[in-house]
Amino acid sequence: MAALATTLPALLLMAQSASAVTIQGRVTAGGEPVEEAIVRLSSVGLGGEREAKTDSTGHYAFAGLTAGRYVVSAEKGAARSQPASVAVTSDREEQRVDLVLADAPSNKGLDAMEFADKPNFTVAGVVDWTAVGGHGSDTSLRTSEALTRETVALKPDGVRADGFGTMDKGAESKLTAEFAAAPGSFEANHRLGEFYLNAGKYREAIPPLENAYKIDTTNQKNEYDLALAREGTGDLEGAQEHVQRLLKQKESAELHRIAGEIDEKLNDPLAAVREYEQAARMDPSEENYFAWGSELLLHRAVWQAQEIFGRAAQAYPKSSRLLTALGTALFAGARYDEAAQRLCEASDLKPMDAEPYIFMGKVEMAAPEPLACIEPRLARFAHNQPDNPLANYFYAMSIWKRQQLPPDAEAMKRVESLLTKAKTVDPKCSEAYLQLGILHSSEHDFEHAIGFYEHAIEVDPRLGEAHYRLGVAYDRIGDAAKAKQEFALHEEIEKADAAGVERQRREVKQFLVVLDGKATVPPGY
């Protein structure tokens, strides 16, 4: 990965500094020095990274640094160290940080996940949300639930978000003409229906595919396409009937996965998870493991989702989607540092893709403490995509989260600049207005804070926190009537939002998992 120090002005100044600050140490594994390990140094607050390689004795060094806070980590192949946080308080100081590599579980002999080691859990049933107790902050739980929904919607690498290609009007005209010339032809009907199916035009696909099916009920490819088209239009019972008919003729992993999709949509998650597991057993592909893990995660079998995503990520180490999903599952189990590491790895695989950065930005904001590897990645996100409002917003919030009291003045100027850019790039970025208001309130500049809060509410009238903080600001300037009005609006929105969240939670059944003969519900909830 290219070091960001060569592109970020702040780190250029750091590297050119005449100071004598050095961070150095050794990298070992099993007590032995590791040669040519890659050591990364991240500057907390400034963003960016520097890299060094260890020599034959396992030694590395970063010289010419300024006082500040840093994170150091090392890796070689599949082995990685835990990130180490370093605080340098003097401009002439040397810090020693030794790092130990731990091997990731070996992929040797794995085409994908081997089922010689059968998962030690069984999904035995479902339970309602009301059967589960409370634990942890509601902010973390809501973030986990939102990230789970976003994880389920992740597409494979290289696939468009809508899953469809560009519709070729010329091809449509040709196929329509062929159908008009031979309306009783199986091939003419099938090709036209398949064309519409691949373009996502499910309703247009069904008539020719249905015609083709009536002409030849034994053609499995056409019946499979018809099942997909019916699923796409919401005719789930019709789709299920065709899939089950095909499965009776000949089982396949793809059919089991589609059956799982349909079962989930029919609100039968127990049948769905069994279909997904069978698909993964028959064909341990990235797609099938992602579907199985996602179903477990969606229904709060968090530990089990971690297991499936973790083992699948070993088998497919270049899958950014699997690493992102694993990060979400780890976050759901309150394993915040590990979640951050997996999301950072996902972003390193696809540095120009926004999704892993957005996930890590949300994780960083919801986690109780700053997460070591995230800020330099968000710095890279903002550098690579300067016109992305979320890149600027999340990087700003990451810097801010690391500030102590009193906060560093230069760091807070950077925060304000990034938030200002976020709302300038996207005038509908309500969260940027809200955070600018909070920043000015912290400086007792309530007049400016009120303006930012009002902008946030104008963009998103349902932003409850903006109403609350606007009420506080009005109270501070002595306008009790307006403060009371905003507090009342905040309470109304919070009650409505809480009711919506509760309704949404009740709609999602949670798996009852049998682990080593003992039934268990999701961890900590």
Protein backbone atom coordinates (compact mmCIF):
# COMPACT_ATOMS: atom_id res chain seq x y z
CA MET A 1 0.00 0.00 0.00
CA ALA A 2 1.38 3.39 -0.96
CA ALA A 3 2.36 5.55 1.99
CA LEU A 4 0.24 8.65 2.36
CA ALA A 5 3.14 10.63 3.79
CA THR A 6 4.16 11.61 0.27
CA THR A 7 0.78 13.17 -0.45
CA LEU A 8 -0.38 14.87 2.73
CA PRO A 9 1.17 18.27 3.43
CA ALA A 10 0.98 17.84 7.19
CA LEU A 11 3.03 14.67 7.08
CA LEU A 12 5.49 16.19 4.61
CA LEU A 13 6.22 18.85 7.17
CA MET A 14 6.58 16.17 9.81
CA ALA A 15 9.04 14.17 7.72
CA GLN A 16 11.11 17.27 6.95
CA SER A 17 11.24 18.36 10.56
CA ALA A 18 14.62 18.87 12.14
CA SER A 19 13.44 17.21 15.34
CA ALA A 20 15.17 14.12 16.70
CA VAL A 21 12.09 12.10 17.66
CA THR A 22 12.44 8.43 16.72
CA ILE A 23 10.15 5.43 17.13
CA GLN A 24 12.04 2.17 16.71
CA GLY A 25 11.93 -1.45 17.81
CA ARG A 26 11.97 -5.08 16.71
CA VAL A 27 9.42 -7.36 15.10
CA THR A 28 9.46 -10.97 16.24
CA ALA A 29 7.40 -14.13 15.80
CA GLY A 30 7.79 -17.08 18.14
CA GLY A 31 10.70 -15.30 19.80
CA GLU A 32 12.66 -15.03 16.53
CA PRO A 33 13.35 -11.81 14.57
CA VAL A 34 11.30 -11.31 11.40
CA GLU A 35 13.10 -9.91 8.35
CA GLU A 36 11.28 -7.77 5.74
CA ALA A 37 8.13 -7.37 7.80
CA ILE A 38 6.15 -4.28 6.83
CA VAL A 39 5.80 -1.83 9.72
CA ARG A 40 3.22 0.96 9.45
CA LEU A 41 3.26 4.20 11.42
CA SER A 42 0.03 6.23 11.57
CA SER A 43 -0.07 9.78 12.91
CA VAL A 44 -3.14 10.35 15.07
CA GLY A 45 -4.77 13.69 14.27
CA LEU A 46 -2.76 14.42 11.13
CA GLY A 47 -3.73 11.28 9.26
CA GLY A 48 -1.63 9.40 6.73
CA GLU A 49 0.88 6.59 7.08
CA ARG A 50 4.56 5.84 6.73
CA GLU A 51 6.03 2.42 6.08
CA ALA A 52 9.33 0.73 6.88
CA LYS A 53 10.73 -2.78 6.45
CA THR A 54 12.61 -4.68 9.11
CA ASP A 55 16.25 -5.67 8.59
CA SER A 56 17.81 -9.10 9.19
CA THR A 57 17.64 -8.57 12.96
CA GLY A 58 13.95 -7.63 12.84
CA HIS A 59 14.75 -3.98 13.57
CA TYR A 60 12.83 -0.99 12.18
CA ALA A 61 12.94 2.76 12.81
CA PHE A 62 10.97 5.92 12.00
CA ALA A 63 13.09 9.02 12.45
CA GLY A 64 12.48 12.76 12.07
CA LEU A 65 9.12 12.74 13.84
CA THR A 66 7.47 15.49 15.86
CA ALA A 67 5.81 15.17 19.25
CA GLY A 68 2.36 13.66 19.01
CA ARG A 69 0.43 10.41 19.14
CA TYR A 70 1.09 7.50 16.80
CA VAL A 71 -0.11 3.97 16.10
CA VAL A 72 2.42 1.31 15.03
CA SER A 73 1.60 -2.11 13.57
CA ALA A 74 3.43 -4.80 11.61
CA GLU A 75 2.58 -7.58 9.20
CA LYS A 76 4.19 -10.17 6.98
CA GLY A 77 2.07 -12.38 4.80
CA ALA A 78 -0.95 -13.51 6.80
CA ALA A 79 0.71 -12.73 10.15
CA ARG A 80 -0.09 -9.45 11.90
CA SER A 81 0.68 -7.71 15.16
CA GLN A 82 -1.75 -5.92 17.42
CA PRO A 83 -1.60 -2.14 16.83
CA ALA A 84 0.40 -0.30 19.50
CA SER A 85 -0.38 3.28 20.57
CA VAL A 86 2.60 5.57 21.25
CA ALA A 87 2.56 9.04 22.84
CA VAL A 88 5.61 11.24 22.17
CA THR A 89 5.64 14.28 24.45
CA SER A 90 9.03 15.84 23.63
CA ASP A 91 10.58 17.07 20.40
CA ARG A 92 13.80 15.20 21.27
CA GLU A 93 12.78 11.73 22.36
CA GLU A 94 13.19 8.08 21.41
CA GLN A 95 10.43 5.53 21.87
CA ARG A 96 10.92 1.77 21.61
CA VAL A 97 7.99 -0.33 20.45
CA ASP A 98 8.50 -4.07 19.94
CA LEU A 99 5.85 -5.88 17.94
CA VAL A 100 4.96 -9.58 17.89
CA LEU A 101 3.41 -11.22 14.84
CA ALA A 102 0.66 -13.77 15.31
CA ASP A 103 -0.16 -16.15 12.47
CA ALA A 104 -3.64 -16.02 11.04
CA PRO A 105 -5.26 -19.45 10.76
CA SER A 106 -3.75 -21.26 7.78
CA ASN A 107 -5.60 -21.60 4.48
CA LYS A 108 -3.52 -24.61 3.51
CA GLY A 109 -5.67 -27.19 1.79
CA LEU A 110 -8.68 -24.86 1.64
CA ASP A 111 -10.33 -24.18 -1.69
CA ALA A 112 -12.86 -22.42 0.51
CA MET A 113 -14.14 -23.38 3.96
CA GLU A 114 -13.66 -27.09 4.64
CA PHE A 115 -16.57 -28.86 6.19
CA ALA A 116 -14.34 -31.50 7.73
CA ASP A 117 -14.56 -29.09 10.67
CA LYS A 118 -18.33 -28.86 10.87
CA PRO A 119 -19.61 -25.70 12.61
CA ASN A 120 -20.41 -26.57 16.21
CA PHE A 121 -23.80 -24.89 16.22
CA THR A 122 -27.31 -25.61 15.03
CA VAL A 123 -30.07 -23.08 14.45
CA ALA A 124 -32.93 -24.78 16.27
CA GLY A 125 -35.67 -22.16 16.19
CA VAL A 126 -36.56 -18.49 16.47
CA VAL A 127 -37.42 -16.20 19.37
CA ASP A 128 -39.05 -12.79 19.55
CA TRP A 129 -37.18 -9.60 20.39
CA THR A 130 -39.13 -9.40 23.65
CA ALA A 131 -37.42 -12.59 24.82
CA VAL A 132 -34.06 -10.84 24.82
CA GLY A 133 -32.72 -8.62 27.58
CA GLY A 134 -30.89 -5.31 27.21
CA HIS A 135 -27.16 -4.71 27.20
CA GLY A 136 -24.81 -2.01 25.97
CA SER A 137 -25.62 1.44 24.70
CA ASP A 138 -28.63 1.97 22.48
CA THR A 139 -26.41 3.95 20.11
CA SER A 140 -24.16 0.92 19.55
CA LEU A 141 -27.15 -1.37 19.13
CA ARG A 142 -28.84 0.91 16.61
CA THR A 143 -25.58 1.27 14.70
CA SER A 144 -25.17 -2.50 14.69
CA GLU A 145 -28.68 -3.01 13.35
CA ALA A 146 -28.18 -0.39 10.63
CA LEU A 147 -24.83 -1.86 9.58
CA THR A 148 -26.37 -5.33 9.46
CA ARG A 149 -28.99 -4.16 6.99
CA GLU A 150 -26.30 -2.47 4.91
CA THR A 151 -24.14 -5.61 5.06
CA VAL A 152 -26.93 -7.83 3.71
CA ALA A 153 -27.23 -5.44 0.74
CA LEU A 154 -23.51 -5.54 -0.15
CA LYS A 155 -22.83 -6.68 -3.70
CA PRO A 156 -19.89 -8.84 -4.85
CA ASP A 157 -16.80 -6.98 -6.06
CA GLY A 158 -17.32 -5.59 -9.53
CA VAL A 159 -21.13 -5.87 -9.49
CA ARG A 160 -23.21 -2.72 -9.80
CA ALA A 161 -25.36 -1.72 -6.84
CA ASP A 162 -28.56 -2.51 -8.77
CA GLY A 163 -27.08 -5.77 -10.06
CA PHE A 164 -27.99 -5.05 -13.70
CA GLY A 165 -26.13 -4.05 -16.81
CA THR A 166 -27.01 -1.29 -19.25
CA MET A 167 -30.04 -2.14 -21.36
CA ASP A 168 -29.19 -2.50 -25.07
CA LYS A 169 -32.11 -1.00 -27.02
CA GLY A 170 -30.79 -2.45 -30.28
CA ALA A 171 -30.75 -5.95 -28.81
CA GLU A 172 -34.26 -5.44 -27.46
CA SER A 173 -35.56 -4.47 -30.89
CA LYS A 174 -33.91 -7.49 -32.49
CA LEU A 175 -35.28 -9.93 -29.92
CA THR A 176 -38.75 -8.38 -30.09
CA ALA A 177 -38.71 -8.76 -33.87
CA GLU A 178 -37.66 -12.42 -33.58
CA PHE A 179 -40.52 -13.03 -31.16
CA ALA A 180 -43.03 -11.28 -33.44
CA ALA A 181 -41.89 -13.45 -36.36
CA ALA A 182 -42.17 -16.68 -34.37
CA PRO A 183 -44.40 -16.25 -31.28
CA GLY A 184 -44.66 -20.02 -30.86
CA SER A 185 -40.89 -20.52 -30.75
CA PHE A 186 -39.37 -21.63 -27.44
CA GLU A 187 -36.03 -19.99 -28.30
CA ALA A 188 -37.59 -16.65 -29.29
CA ASN A 189 -39.64 -16.49 -26.09
CA HIS A 190 -36.80 -17.63 -23.84
CA ARG A 191 -34.21 -15.24 -25.28
CA LEU A 192 -36.56 -12.25 -24.97
CA GLY A 193 -37.55 -13.18 -21.41
CA GLU A 194 -33.92 -13.72 -20.39
CA PHE A 195 -32.98 -10.35 -21.87
CA TYR A 196 -35.60 -8.56 -19.76
CA LEU A 197 -34.63 -10.58 -16.68
CA ASN A 198 -30.96 -9.58 -16.99
CA ALA A 199 -32.04 -5.94 -17.35
CA GLY A 200 -34.09 -6.14 -14.15
CA LYS A 201 -37.40 -5.73 -16.00
CA TYR A 202 -39.12 -8.57 -14.22
CA ARG A 203 -42.71 -7.87 -15.28
CA GLU A 204 -41.71 -7.70 -18.93
CA ALA A 205 -39.73 -10.92 -18.52
CA ILE A 206 -42.57 -13.07 -17.18
CA PRO A 207 -44.88 -13.32 -20.29
CA PRO A 208 -42.21 -14.63 -22.71
CA LEU A 209 -40.65 -16.88 -20.03
CA GLU A 210 -44.11 -18.21 -19.15
CA ASN A 211 -44.78 -18.86 -22.86
CA ALA A 212 -41.48 -20.70 -23.15
CA TYR A 213 -42.33 -22.78 -20.06
CA LYS A 214 -45.67 -23.81 -21.56
CA ILE A 215 -43.89 -24.84 -24.76
CA ASP A 216 -41.23 -26.88 -22.92
CA THR A 217 -41.75 -27.61 -19.21
CA THR A 218 -38.55 -29.67 -19.08
CA ASN A 219 -36.12 -26.85 -19.84
CA GLN A 220 -34.55 -26.16 -16.44
CA LYS A 221 -32.76 -22.95 -17.42
CA ASN A 222 -35.99 -21.33 -18.57
CA GLU A 223 -37.86 -22.44 -15.44
CA TYR A 224 -35.04 -21.09 -13.27
CA ASP A 225 -35.25 -17.73 -15.07
CA LEU A 226 -39.03 -17.75 -14.60
CA ALA A 227 -38.58 -18.35 -10.87
CA LEU A 228 -36.19 -15.38 -10.62
CA ALA A 229 -38.59 -13.15 -12.55
CA ARG A 230 -41.48 -14.12 -10.30
CA GLU A 231 -39.36 -13.45 -7.22
CA GLY A 232 -38.45 -10.06 -8.68
CA THR A 233 -42.13 -9.08 -9.05
CA GLY A 234 -42.97 -10.22 -5.53
CA ASP A 235 -44.77 -13.41 -6.58
CA LEU A 236 -42.89 -15.38 -3.93
CA GLU A 237 -45.23 -18.37 -3.83
CA GLY A 238 -44.97 -18.76 -7.61
CA ALA A 239 -41.18 -18.46 -7.45
CA GLN A 240 -40.98 -20.96 -4.60
CA GLU A 241 -43.10 -23.49 -6.51
CA HIS A 242 -40.72 -23.42 -9.49
CA VAL A 243 -37.58 -23.60 -7.33
CA GLN A 244 -38.88 -26.57 -5.35
CA ARG A 245 -39.84 -28.32 -8.58
CA LEU A 246 -36.32 -27.80 -9.91
CA LEU A 247 -34.76 -29.03 -6.66
CA LYS A 248 -36.73 -32.27 -6.92
CA GLN A 249 -35.29 -32.81 -10.38
CA LYS A 250 -31.69 -32.02 -9.45
CA GLU A 251 -30.22 -30.28 -6.41
CA SER A 252 -27.71 -27.47 -6.83
CA ALA A 253 -26.11 -24.91 -4.54
CA GLU A 254 -27.53 -22.07 -6.61
CA LEU A 255 -31.09 -23.38 -6.26
CA HIS A 256 -30.69 -23.79 -2.50
CA ARG A 257 -29.41 -20.21 -2.22
CA ILE A 258 -32.36 -18.86 -4.23
CA ALA A 259 -34.70 -20.97 -2.09
CA GLY A 260 -33.16 -19.32 0.97
CA GLU A 261 -33.76 -15.85 -0.48
CA ILE A 262 -37.41 -16.68 -1.09
CA ASP A 263 -37.90 -18.24 2.35
CA GLU A 264 -36.47 -15.13 4.02
CA LYS A 265 -38.84 -12.91 2.05
CA LEU A 266 -41.71 -15.20 3.05
CA ASN A 267 -40.77 -14.61 6.71
CA ASP A 268 -39.47 -18.14 7.24
CA PRO A 269 -35.89 -17.46 8.39
CA LEU A 270 -35.46 -20.96 9.86
CA ALA A 271 -36.03 -22.54 6.43
CA ALA A 272 -33.88 -19.84 4.84
CA VAL A 273 -30.81 -20.41 7.01
CA ARG A 274 -30.97 -24.15 6.35
CA GLU A 275 -31.11 -23.55 2.61
CA TYR A 276 -28.14 -21.18 2.80
CA GLU A 277 -26.14 -23.67 4.84
CA GLN A 278 -26.89 -26.42 2.33
CA ALA A 279 -25.82 -24.14 -0.53
CA ALA A 280 -22.51 -23.47 1.22
CA ARG A 281 -21.96 -27.16 1.86
CA MET A 282 -22.55 -28.04 -1.78
CA ASP A 283 -20.51 -25.13 -3.16
CA PRO A 284 -18.28 -23.29 -0.66
CA SER A 285 -18.17 -20.13 -2.77
CA GLU A 286 -17.75 -16.57 -1.57
CA GLU A 287 -21.33 -15.85 -2.58
CA ASN A 288 -22.80 -18.81 -0.68
CA TYR A 289 -20.84 -18.15 2.50
CA PHE A 290 -21.75 -14.49 2.39
CA ALA A 291 -25.44 -15.40 2.09
CA TRP A 292 -25.24 -17.87 5.00
CA GLY A 293 -23.33 -15.50 7.28
CA SER A 294 -25.63 -12.60 6.41
CA GLU A 295 -28.71 -14.62 7.35
CA LEU A 296 -27.18 -15.52 10.71
CA LEU A 297 -26.22 -11.89 11.34
CA LEU A 298 -29.61 -10.54 10.28
CA HIS A 299 -31.31 -12.74 12.87
CA ARG A 300 -28.81 -11.90 15.62
CA ALA A 301 -26.85 -15.16 15.70
CA VAL A 302 -23.85 -12.92 16.14
CA TRP A 303 -21.23 -15.40 17.35
CA GLN A 304 -22.17 -17.82 14.59
CA ALA A 305 -22.03 -15.09 11.93
CA GLN A 306 -18.54 -14.21 13.18
CA GLU A 307 -17.50 -17.85 12.79
CA ILE A 308 -18.84 -18.20 9.25
CA PHE A 309 -17.56 -14.85 8.01
CA GLY A 310 -14.21 -15.39 9.74
CA ARG A 311 -13.56 -18.80 8.22
CA ALA A 312 -14.83 -17.65 4.81
CA ALA A 313 -12.53 -14.61 4.91
CA GLN A 314 -9.59 -16.97 5.46
CA ALA A 315 -10.60 -18.89 2.35
CA TYR A 316 -11.21 -15.70 0.31
CA PRO A 317 -8.66 -13.21 1.70
CA LYS A 318 -9.14 -10.84 -1.25
CA SER A 319 -12.87 -10.41 -0.65
CA SER A 320 -13.47 -6.90 0.62
CA ARG A 321 -17.14 -7.78 1.05
CA LEU A 322 -16.42 -10.69 3.42
CA LEU A 323 -14.03 -8.58 5.52
CA THR A 324 -16.62 -5.80 5.75
CA ALA A 325 -19.28 -8.31 6.81
CA LEU A 326 -16.90 -9.82 9.38
CA GLY A 327 -16.24 -6.34 10.75
CA THR A 328 -19.98 -5.78 11.14
CA ALA A 329 -20.42 -9.11 12.95
CA LEU A 330 -17.51 -8.38 15.31
CA PHE A 331 -18.93 -4.94 16.08
CA ALA A 332 -22.30 -6.54 16.85
CA GLY A 333 -20.51 -8.67 19.45
CA ALA A 334 -18.78 -5.61 20.98
CA ARG A 335 -15.37 -6.72 19.68
CA TYR A 336 -14.62 -3.18 18.57
CA ASP A 337 -10.87 -3.33 17.95
CA GLU A 338 -11.13 -6.50 15.90
CA ALA A 339 -14.06 -5.05 13.95
CA ALA A 340 -12.01 -1.97 13.11
CA GLN A 341 -9.04 -4.07 11.98
CA ARG A 342 -11.15 -6.12 9.57
CA LEU A 343 -12.77 -2.99 8.12
CA CYS A 344 -9.36 -1.38 7.70
CA GLU A 345 -8.18 -4.49 5.85
CA ALA A 346 -11.25 -4.31 3.61
CA SER A 347 -10.45 -0.70 2.72
CA ASP A 348 -6.82 -1.62 2.00
CA LEU A 349 -8.00 -4.20 -0.56
CA LYS A 350 -10.18 -1.62 -2.35
CA PRO A 351 -8.77 1.82 -1.43
CA MET A 352 -11.05 3.66 -3.87
CA ASP A 353 -14.29 1.95 -2.76
CA ALA A 354 -16.33 4.05 -0.35
CA GLU A 355 -18.25 1.25 1.42
CA PRO A 356 -15.60 -0.02 3.89
CA TYR A 357 -14.77 3.58 4.88
CA ILE A 358 -18.42 4.41 5.53
CA PHE A 359 -18.77 1.29 7.68
CA MET A 360 -15.64 2.15 9.68
CA GLY A 361 -16.76 5.77 10.09
CA LYS A 362 -20.02 4.61 11.67
CA VAL A 363 -18.21 2.06 13.84
CA GLU A 364 -15.73 4.69 15.00
CA MET A 365 -18.51 7.06 16.03
CA ALA A 366 -20.46 4.40 17.94
CA ALA A 367 -17.55 2.63 19.67
CA PRO A 368 -16.84 3.72 23.26
CA GLU A 369 -13.16 4.51 22.51
CA PRO A 370 -11.19 5.62 19.43
CA LEU A 371 -10.11 2.68 17.24
CA ALA A 372 -6.45 2.68 16.31
CA CYS A 373 -6.33 1.90 12.59
CA ILE A 374 -9.37 3.89 11.49
CA GLU A 375 -8.26 7.53 11.46
CA PRO A 376 -5.43 7.08 8.92
CA ARG A 377 -7.81 5.17 6.64
CA LEU A 378 -10.40 7.91 6.89
CA ALA A 379 -7.62 10.38 6.08
CA ARG A 380 -6.96 8.35 2.94
CA PHE A 381 -10.70 8.35 2.15
CA ALA A 382 -10.82 12.14 2.39
CA HIS A 383 -7.64 12.47 0.33
CA ASN A 384 -8.79 10.05 -2.40
CA GLN A 385 -12.36 11.39 -2.56
CA PRO A 386 -12.17 15.07 -1.53
CA ASP A 387 -15.62 15.78 -2.99
CA ASN A 388 -17.33 13.02 -1.04
CA PRO A 389 -19.19 14.66 1.87
CA LEU A 390 -19.09 11.49 3.96
CA ALA A 391 -15.31 11.24 3.53
CA ASN A 392 -14.88 14.72 4.99
CA TYR A 393 -17.52 14.19 7.67
CA PHE A 394 -16.21 10.88 9.02
CA TYR A 395 -12.59 12.02 8.96
CA ALA A 396 -13.56 15.14 10.91
CA MET A 397 -15.41 13.09 13.52
CA SER A 398 -12.51 10.67 13.87
CA ILE A 399 -10.07 13.51 14.59
CA TRP A 400 -12.51 15.08 17.04
CA LYS A 401 -13.06 11.84 18.94
CA ARG A 402 -9.35 11.63 19.75
CA GLN A 403 -9.17 15.05 21.34
CA GLN A 404 -8.56 15.36 25.04
CA LEU A 405 -9.71 18.26 27.23
CA PRO A 406 -8.78 20.90 26.39
CA PRO A 407 -8.78 19.92 22.69
CA ASP A 408 -5.86 20.76 20.43
CA ALA A 409 -6.66 24.06 18.68
CA GLU A 410 -5.07 23.08 15.36
CA ALA A 411 -6.86 19.75 15.30
CA MET A 412 -10.19 21.47 15.93
CA LYS A 413 -9.52 23.91 13.09
CA ARG A 414 -9.03 20.86 10.88
CA VAL A 415 -12.31 19.40 12.15
CA GLU A 416 -14.17 22.63 11.36
CA SER A 417 -12.61 22.82 7.91
CA LEU A 418 -13.60 19.24 7.05
CA LEU A 419 -17.16 19.69 8.33
CA THR A 420 -17.49 22.94 6.41
CA LYS A 421 -16.33 21.18 3.26
CA ALA A 422 -18.81 18.33 3.84
CA LYS A 423 -21.80 20.68 3.99
CA THR A 424 -20.46 22.76 1.10
CA VAL A 425 -20.10 19.71 -1.13
CA ASP A 426 -23.52 18.46 -0.03
CA PRO A 427 -25.81 21.20 1.31
CA LYS A 428 -28.16 18.43 2.51
CA CYS A 429 -25.54 16.92 4.84
CA SER A 430 -27.55 17.62 8.00
CA GLU A 431 -25.06 15.87 10.29
CA ALA A 432 -22.28 18.26 9.23
CA TYR A 433 -24.45 21.27 10.18
CA LEU A 434 -25.29 19.59 13.50
CA GLN A 435 -21.64 18.95 14.36
CA LEU A 436 -20.63 22.50 13.38
CA GLY A 437 -23.30 23.72 15.78
CA ILE A 438 -21.93 21.51 18.55
CA LEU A 439 -18.41 22.75 17.84
CA HIS A 440 -19.46 26.41 18.10
CA SER A 441 -21.50 25.68 21.23
CA SER A 442 -18.40 24.18 22.86
CA GLU A 443 -16.73 27.53 22.22
CA HIS A 444 -19.75 29.38 23.74
CA ASP A 445 -20.49 30.90 20.33
CA PHE A 446 -24.21 30.25 20.63
CA GLU A 447 -25.34 32.67 17.90
CA HIS A 448 -23.38 30.80 15.23
CA ALA A 449 -24.36 27.47 16.79
CA ILE A 450 -28.05 28.37 16.48
CA GLY A 451 -27.61 29.10 12.78
CA PHE A 452 -26.02 25.70 12.16
CA TYR A 453 -28.68 23.87 14.17
CA GLU A 454 -31.42 25.63 12.22
CA HIS A 455 -29.76 24.62 8.92
CA ALA A 456 -29.58 21.00 10.13
CA ILE A 457 -33.30 21.04 10.98
CA GLU A 458 -34.16 22.70 7.67
CA VAL A 459 -32.44 19.82 5.85
CA ASP A 460 -33.81 17.12 8.18
CA PRO A 461 -36.72 18.20 10.38
CA ARG A 462 -36.66 14.76 12.08
CA LEU A 463 -33.09 15.18 13.37
CA GLY A 464 -33.94 14.97 17.05
CA GLU A 465 -30.52 15.85 18.43
CA ALA A 466 -30.49 19.11 16.45
CA HIS A 467 -33.77 20.16 18.11
CA TYR A 468 -32.41 19.29 21.55
CA ARG A 469 -29.15 21.16 21.08
CA LEU A 470 -30.97 24.12 19.56
CA GLY A 471 -33.11 24.18 22.69
CA VAL A 472 -29.97 24.22 24.85
CA ALA A 473 -28.50 27.07 22.79
CA TYR A 474 -31.71 29.12 23.09
CA ASP A 475 -31.70 28.49 26.84
CA ARG A 476 -28.11 29.74 27.08
CA ILE A 477 -28.98 33.04 25.39
CA GLY A 478 -32.05 33.45 27.59
CA ASP A 479 -34.85 32.63 25.11
CA ALA A 480 -36.80 30.25 27.33
CA ALA A 481 -39.90 30.09 25.08
CA LYS A 482 -37.99 28.91 22.03
CA ALA A 483 -35.96 26.52 24.15
CA LYS A 484 -39.15 24.94 25.51
CA GLN A 485 -40.53 24.57 21.99
CA GLU A 486 -37.39 22.79 20.72
CA PHE A 487 -37.25 20.47 23.74
CA ALA A 488 -40.87 19.49 23.11
CA LEU A 489 -40.12 18.74 19.44
CA HIS A 490 -37.09 16.70 20.46
CA GLU A 491 -39.16 14.61 22.87
CA GLU A 492 -41.85 14.04 20.25
CA ILE A 493 -39.29 12.89 17.65
CA GLU A 494 -37.47 10.65 20.10
CA LYS A 495 -40.69 8.90 21.10
CA ALA A 496 -41.66 8.36 17.46
CA ASP A 497 -38.17 7.11 16.55
CA ALA A 498 -38.08 4.75 19.53
CA ALA A 499 -41.46 3.33 18.55
CA GLY A 500 -40.23 2.84 14.98
CA VAL A 501 -37.09 1.06 16.12
CA GLU A 502 -39.10 -1.17 18.45
CA ARG A 503 -41.51 -2.03 15.63
CA GLN A 504 -38.62 -2.83 13.30
CA ARG A 505 -36.98 -5.04 15.94
CA ARG A 506 -40.18 -6.98 16.52
CA GLU A 507 -40.38 -7.73 12.80
CA VAL A 508 -36.99 -9.49 12.85
CA LYS A 509 -37.10 -12.92 14.44
CA GLN A 510 -33.95 -13.95 16.29
CA PHE A 511 -32.39 -17.36 15.98
CA LEU A 512 -32.32 -19.78 18.89
CA VAL A 513 -28.94 -21.49 18.51
CA VAL A 514 -27.88 -24.79 20.02
CA LEU A 515 -24.17 -24.69 20.81
CA ASP A 516 -22.59 -27.86 22.21
CA GLY A 517 -26.02 -29.05 23.27
CA LYS A 518 -26.97 -25.80 25.01
CA ALA A 519 -29.53 -23.37 23.63
CA THR A 520 -28.40 -19.76 23.44
CA VAL A 521 -29.70 -16.41 22.21
CA PRO A 522 -27.61 -13.59 20.74
CA PRO A 523 -24.72 -12.41 22.94
CA GLY A 524 -25.43 -9.62 25.37
CA TYR A 525 -28.85 -8.57 24.10
